[in-house]
Amino acid sequence: MTRLSSVTLLFSIVAGGLASGDAAAGSRPPRDPAVPAALVETSPSLAPFQHVRFCLRYPDDCRSNLAEDERIDLTSERSELLDRVNRRVNGDIAPVRKHYGQDLQETWTIAPFEGDCNDYAVTKRHELLLSGLPAKALRLAVVRTKAGSGHLVLLVATTRGELVLDSLTEAIVPWQTTNYQWMKIQSASDPRSWHGVRVSGPSVSAPARKLRVANRHSTSTVSAPALPF
């Protein structure tokens, strides 16, 4: 796929994801499932331990400027930048499963030869910071996959909504279209702090609703999954 077609596809996906609820509003009952409005920070949450270590090693990546914008204008140039960084990092780092034990040998690392989802996410954020994007618009987020595994992604706040840069796919999509359960997110005002996260709005997407039902049925017998950090 050419760079131009990738950027065009990104614009189409974003426009489609944001407009899907409004486009169908006139042809469905008012209480039909709709796309959630936003991801909202809740109470403060413990930062992933490996992120604490990451900030000690890479302090420049854990600073923010309160005067910065919390969202970026999703121009064609910035869409191309997001697409380029996402694809390059996904291609440059060889995927490997890391084990974060008590020996503390494994860490979140920027641009390693091989790494896991955490390394992909922090590398993308680092490159976008170097490209001049505001730190407040670039937030790491912990999610739970459909399979129940912990996973780290980069969430980019734009004027067209939040977009997900993911090590598992080259496609950049609105967060509403993922099958993830959103668990905690990096604070926009202080990258060293984390918060719980909830979905705002009258209802949730169908995949999220099914995941919630499955979780309710399993919570009595299955503990929360171990996150890869």
Protein backbone atom coordinates (compact mmCIF):
# COMPACT_ATOMS: atom_id res chain seq x y z
CA MET A 1 0.00 0.00 0.00
CA THR A 2 1.40 3.42 -0.97
CA ARG A 3 1.85 6.17 1.58
CA LEU A 4 -0.86 8.30 -0.05
CA SER A 5 -3.38 5.47 0.00
CA SER A 6 -2.53 4.72 3.64
CA VAL A 7 -3.21 8.31 4.67
CA THR A 8 -6.42 8.39 2.64
CA LEU A 9 -7.52 5.16 4.29
CA LEU A 10 -6.76 6.60 7.73
CA PHE A 11 -8.95 9.63 7.04
CA SER A 12 -11.72 7.35 5.77
CA ILE A 13 -11.56 5.10 8.83
CA VAL A 14 -11.62 8.04 11.23
CA ALA A 15 -14.48 9.73 9.42
CA GLY A 16 -16.44 6.50 9.29
CA GLY A 17 -15.84 5.70 12.94
CA LEU A 18 -16.91 9.14 14.11
CA ALA A 19 -19.91 9.43 11.84
CA SER A 20 -21.35 5.93 12.19
CA GLY A 21 -23.53 6.81 15.15
CA ASP A 22 -24.97 9.97 13.57
CA ALA A 23 -25.47 8.46 10.13
CA ALA A 24 -27.70 5.70 11.44
CA ALA A 25 -29.53 7.78 14.05
CA GLY A 26 -32.55 8.44 11.89
CA SER A 27 -33.10 4.78 11.04
CA ARG A 28 -32.91 3.16 14.45
CA PRO A 29 -34.67 3.42 17.83
CA PRO A 30 -33.16 6.05 20.16
CA ARG A 31 -31.88 3.45 22.64
CA ASP A 32 -30.10 1.23 20.17
CA PRO A 33 -26.38 0.66 20.95
CA ALA A 34 -24.26 3.66 19.99
CA VAL A 35 -20.57 4.41 19.85
CA PRO A 36 -19.35 5.66 23.26
CA ALA A 37 -18.58 9.36 23.45
CA ALA A 38 -15.17 9.30 25.07
CA LEU A 39 -12.65 7.62 27.33
CA VAL A 40 -12.73 9.41 30.67
CA GLU A 41 -10.12 9.35 33.43
CA THR A 42 -11.40 8.16 36.79
CA SER A 43 -9.47 7.82 40.04
CA PRO A 44 -5.67 7.75 40.18
CA SER A 45 -4.17 4.33 39.60
CA LEU A 46 -0.79 2.78 40.24
CA ALA A 47 1.56 3.30 37.34
CA PRO A 48 2.89 0.08 35.82
CA PHE A 49 6.09 -0.67 37.71
CA GLN A 50 8.09 -0.92 34.50
CA HIS A 51 6.87 2.54 33.48
CA VAL A 52 8.27 3.94 36.74
CA ARG A 53 11.62 2.41 35.82
CA PHE A 54 11.25 3.69 32.26
CA CYS A 55 10.85 7.27 33.49
CA LEU A 56 14.04 6.99 35.54
CA ARG A 57 15.89 5.82 32.46
CA TYR A 58 14.22 8.18 29.95
CA PRO A 59 13.21 11.30 31.94
CA ASP A 60 12.69 13.42 28.81
CA ASP A 61 9.88 11.09 27.74
CA CYS A 62 8.10 11.59 31.07
CA ARG A 63 7.74 15.36 30.99
CA SER A 64 4.92 17.52 29.71
CA ASN A 65 4.19 21.19 29.22
CA LEU A 66 0.90 22.37 30.73
CA ALA A 67 0.67 24.97 27.97
CA GLU A 68 0.60 22.28 25.28
CA ASP A 69 -2.56 21.34 23.43
CA GLU A 70 -4.21 18.11 24.55
CA ARG A 71 -5.22 17.29 20.98
CA ILE A 72 -3.55 17.60 17.61
CA ASP A 73 -5.18 18.74 14.39
CA LEU A 74 -5.40 15.66 12.19
CA THR A 75 -4.04 17.23 9.03
CA SER A 76 -2.90 15.12 6.09
CA GLU A 77 0.71 15.74 7.12
CA ARG A 78 0.12 14.50 10.65
CA SER A 79 -1.90 11.55 9.43
CA GLU A 80 1.06 10.63 7.24
CA LEU A 81 3.39 11.03 10.23
CA LEU A 82 1.29 8.73 12.41
CA ASP A 83 1.07 6.14 9.66
CA ARG A 84 4.79 6.30 8.92
CA VAL A 85 5.87 5.97 12.56
CA ASN A 86 3.40 3.18 13.28
CA ARG A 87 4.54 1.14 10.29
CA ARG A 88 8.24 1.76 10.77
CA VAL A 89 8.31 0.82 14.45
CA ASN A 90 6.18 -2.26 13.84
CA GLY A 91 8.64 -3.32 11.16
CA ASP A 92 11.87 -2.39 12.94
CA ILE A 93 11.29 -4.24 16.23
CA ALA A 94 11.21 -8.03 16.11
CA PRO A 95 8.42 -9.31 18.38
CA VAL A 96 9.51 -11.33 21.40
CA ARG A 97 7.83 -12.32 24.65
CA LYS A 98 9.57 -10.77 27.66
CA HIS A 99 9.35 -11.97 31.24
CA TYR A 100 9.39 -9.24 33.87
CA GLY A 101 10.63 -11.14 36.90
CA GLN A 102 12.10 -10.13 40.22
CA ASP A 103 15.61 -10.04 38.77
CA LEU A 104 14.63 -6.79 36.98
CA GLN A 105 16.63 -7.69 33.90
CA GLU A 106 13.85 -6.82 31.46
CA THR A 107 12.83 -3.19 30.95
CA TRP A 108 10.74 -1.05 28.63
CA THR A 109 13.21 0.10 26.01
CA ILE A 110 13.13 2.64 23.19
CA ALA A 111 13.98 1.22 19.76
CA PRO A 112 15.34 -2.19 20.77
CA PHE A 113 16.24 -4.80 18.17
CA GLU A 114 13.51 -7.03 19.61
CA GLY A 115 10.78 -6.30 22.12
CA ASP A 116 7.19 -6.68 23.27
CA CYS A 117 4.12 -4.45 23.08
CA ASN A 118 5.53 -2.10 25.73
CA ASP A 119 8.67 -1.41 23.69
CA TYR A 120 6.64 -0.77 20.55
CA ALA A 121 4.36 1.71 22.36
CA VAL A 122 7.09 3.73 24.10
CA THR A 123 9.16 3.83 20.90
CA LYS A 124 6.25 5.24 18.88
CA ARG A 125 5.57 7.83 21.55
CA HIS A 126 9.27 8.78 21.66
CA GLU A 127 9.47 9.24 17.89
CA LEU A 128 6.31 11.32 17.78
CA LEU A 129 7.63 13.52 20.60
CA LEU A 130 10.81 14.06 18.60
CA SER A 131 8.62 15.01 15.63
CA GLY A 132 7.16 17.86 17.67
CA LEU A 133 3.80 16.46 18.73
CA PRO A 134 2.69 17.49 22.24
CA ALA A 135 3.21 15.01 25.05
CA LYS A 136 -0.30 15.67 26.38
CA ALA A 137 -1.77 14.25 23.17
CA LEU A 138 0.31 11.06 23.31
CA ARG A 139 -0.81 8.71 26.06
CA LEU A 140 0.08 5.13 26.82
CA ALA A 141 -2.90 2.96 27.72
CA VAL A 142 -3.26 -0.47 29.29
CA VAL A 143 -5.95 -2.61 27.71
CA ARG A 144 -7.22 -6.15 28.02
CA THR A 145 -7.47 -8.08 24.75
CA LYS A 146 -10.38 -10.29 23.76
CA ALA A 147 -8.25 -13.26 24.82
CA GLY A 148 -7.85 -11.74 28.29
CA SER A 149 -4.20 -10.72 27.99
CA GLY A 150 -2.77 -7.42 29.15
CA HIS A 151 -1.53 -5.20 26.33
CA LEU A 152 -0.04 -1.70 25.93
CA VAL A 153 -0.97 0.67 23.11
CA LEU A 154 -0.41 4.32 22.25
CA LEU A 155 -3.49 6.54 22.19
CA VAL A 156 -3.20 9.73 20.13
CA ALA A 157 -5.76 12.45 20.93
CA THR A 158 -6.78 14.33 17.79
CA THR A 159 -9.47 16.80 16.82
CA ARG A 160 -11.20 13.85 15.14
CA GLY A 161 -11.09 11.61 18.18
CA GLU A 162 -8.62 9.25 19.83
CA LEU A 163 -6.63 6.95 17.54
CA VAL A 164 -4.87 3.74 18.49
CA LEU A 165 -1.33 2.89 17.40
CA ASP A 166 -0.89 -0.81 18.07
CA SER A 167 1.93 -3.31 17.72
CA LEU A 168 -0.56 -5.95 16.56
CA THR A 169 -1.63 -4.11 13.40
CA GLU A 170 -0.44 -1.50 10.94
CA ALA A 171 -3.93 -0.02 10.78
CA ILE A 172 -4.56 3.11 12.86
CA VAL A 173 -8.16 3.07 14.05
CA PRO A 174 -10.47 4.96 16.40
CA TRP A 175 -10.43 3.42 19.87
CA GLN A 176 -14.17 2.64 19.62
CA THR A 177 -13.54 0.09 16.87
CA THR A 178 -11.13 -2.06 18.86
CA ASN A 179 -12.11 -5.17 20.78
CA TYR A 180 -10.19 -3.99 23.82
CA GLN A 181 -11.33 -3.36 27.36
CA TRP A 182 -9.73 -0.11 28.51
CA MET A 183 -8.20 -0.45 31.97
CA LYS A 184 -5.88 2.47 32.76
CA ILE A 185 -4.31 5.40 30.95
CA GLN A 186 -1.38 7.76 31.29
CA SER A 187 -2.32 11.19 32.61
CA ALA A 188 -2.28 14.00 30.04
CA SER A 189 -1.07 16.54 32.60
CA ASP A 190 1.67 14.36 34.11
CA PRO A 191 3.03 11.45 32.03
CA ARG A 192 4.37 9.80 35.20
CA SER A 193 0.87 9.47 36.64
CA TRP A 194 -1.84 7.02 35.62
CA HIS A 195 -5.60 6.88 36.05
CA GLY A 196 -8.33 4.34 35.75
CA VAL A 197 -10.50 4.83 32.69
CA ARG A 198 -14.16 4.39 31.88
CA VAL A 199 -16.28 4.75 28.79
CA SER A 200 -18.64 7.73 28.83
CA GLY A 201 -21.85 7.99 26.86
CA PRO A 202 -25.26 6.30 26.88
CA SER A 203 -24.02 2.90 25.79
CA VAL A 204 -21.04 0.91 24.56
CA SER A 205 -20.11 -0.74 21.28
CA ALA A 206 -21.23 -4.30 20.64
CA PRO A 207 -17.75 -5.87 21.07
CA ALA A 208 -17.23 -4.01 24.35
CA ARG A 209 -20.67 -5.00 25.60
CA LYS A 210 -20.03 -8.70 24.82
CA LEU A 211 -16.66 -8.48 26.57
CA ARG A 212 -18.26 -6.97 29.66
CA VAL A 213 -20.86 -9.75 29.80
CA ALA A 214 -18.16 -12.39 29.44
CA ASN A 215 -16.13 -10.74 32.18
CA ARG A 216 -19.11 -10.71 34.54
CA HIS A 217 -19.62 -14.44 34.01
CA SER A 218 -15.96 -15.20 34.63
CA THR A 219 -15.04 -12.93 37.53
CA SER A 220 -16.26 -15.38 40.16
CA THR A 221 -13.81 -18.08 39.05
CA VAL A 222 -11.01 -16.31 37.14
CA SER A 223 -8.65 -13.69 38.54
CA ALA A 224 -7.53 -10.65 36.60
CA PRO A 225 -4.90 -11.47 33.95
CA ALA A 226 -1.27 -10.80 34.62
CA LEU A 227 -0.20 -7.81 32.58
CA PRO A 228 3.05 -8.03 30.57
CA PHE A 229 4.80 -5.42 32.70
